[in-house]
Protein backbone atom coordinates (compact mmCIF):
# COMPACT_ATOMS: atom_id res chain seq x y z
CA MET A 1 0.00 0.00 0.01
CA PRO A 2 1.31 3.44 -0.86
CA ALA A 3 2.03 5.84 2.01
CA TYR A 4 0.41 9.25 2.05
CA GLU A 5 0.87 12.38 4.13
CA ILE A 6 -2.29 14.38 4.76
CA CYS A 7 -1.72 18.01 5.77
CA TYR A 8 -4.27 20.43 7.17
CA LEU A 9 -3.38 24.11 6.97
CA ARG A 10 -4.86 27.31 8.43
CA ASN A 11 -5.63 30.42 6.37
CA ASP A 12 -2.13 31.78 6.96
CA GLY A 13 -0.52 28.60 5.62
CA THR A 14 0.64 27.21 8.98
CA PHE A 15 0.00 23.58 9.85
CA ALA A 16 -3.10 22.80 11.84
CA ALA A 17 -2.25 19.07 11.76
CA ALA A 18 -0.66 16.37 9.67
CA LEU A 19 -1.02 12.61 9.56
CA ALA A 20 0.50 9.72 7.72
CA ALA A 21 -1.68 6.98 6.29
CA ASN A 22 -1.32 3.84 4.26
CA CYS A 23 -4.05 3.85 1.60
CA GLN A 24 -4.66 1.59 -1.37
CA ASN A 25 -4.78 4.46 -3.86
CA ASP A 26 -5.07 8.24 -4.31
CA LYS A 27 -8.88 8.13 -4.15
CA GLN A 28 -8.89 6.40 -0.74
CA ALA A 29 -6.36 8.98 0.55
CA LYS A 30 -8.59 11.84 -0.61
CA ILE A 31 -11.64 10.33 1.12
CA LEU A 32 -9.69 9.83 4.33
CA ALA A 33 -8.42 13.43 4.19
CA HIS A 34 -11.97 14.76 4.13
CA ALA A 35 -13.21 12.34 6.76
CA MET A 36 -10.49 13.41 9.23
CA LYS A 37 -10.69 17.20 8.45
CA LEU A 38 -10.31 19.54 11.37
CA GLU A 39 -12.74 22.44 11.63
CA SER A 40 -9.81 24.87 12.07
CA ALA A 41 -8.21 23.71 8.80
CA LYS A 42 -8.96 25.79 5.74
CA ARG A 43 -6.83 23.79 3.30
CA ILE A 44 -6.19 20.09 2.72
CA GLU A 45 -3.13 18.72 0.95
CA VAL A 46 -2.56 15.02 0.27
CA TRP A 47 1.03 14.08 -0.62
CA SER A 48 2.54 10.84 -1.91
CA GLY A 49 6.27 11.40 -1.47
CA GLU A 50 7.08 14.61 -3.33
CA ARG A 51 3.93 14.40 -5.49
CA LEU A 52 0.94 16.57 -4.54
CA VAL A 53 -1.98 14.22 -5.07
CA TYR A 54 -4.85 16.46 -4.00
CA ALA A 55 -5.44 19.95 -2.64
CA ARG A 56 -8.60 21.78 -1.59
CA PRO A 57 -9.41 24.53 -2.12
CA GLN A 58 -7.86 24.25 -5.55
CA THR A 59 -4.90 26.60 -6.10
CA ALA A 60 -1.78 26.59 -8.18
CA GLU A 61 0.66 23.92 -7.03
CA ARG A 62 3.20 25.23 -4.58
CA PRO A 63 6.33 23.73 -3.07
CA ARG A 64 5.80 21.40 -0.13
CA ALA A 65 6.00 23.07 3.28
CA ALA A 66 8.93 22.00 5.46
């Protein structure tokens, strides 16, 4: 199973939370990201290694936060 990192960010771009998950595919990782969403998070990013799999709200791709 591929490993994913799900990041939740506040309006100012700071991390609200992050979690690692083993999911069967990108779709499962996206579903999990929404299911676990924090109310304080305004943005969701799902990463597989260095590849941005999914981001909401949709914006231009940006470099991964350290």
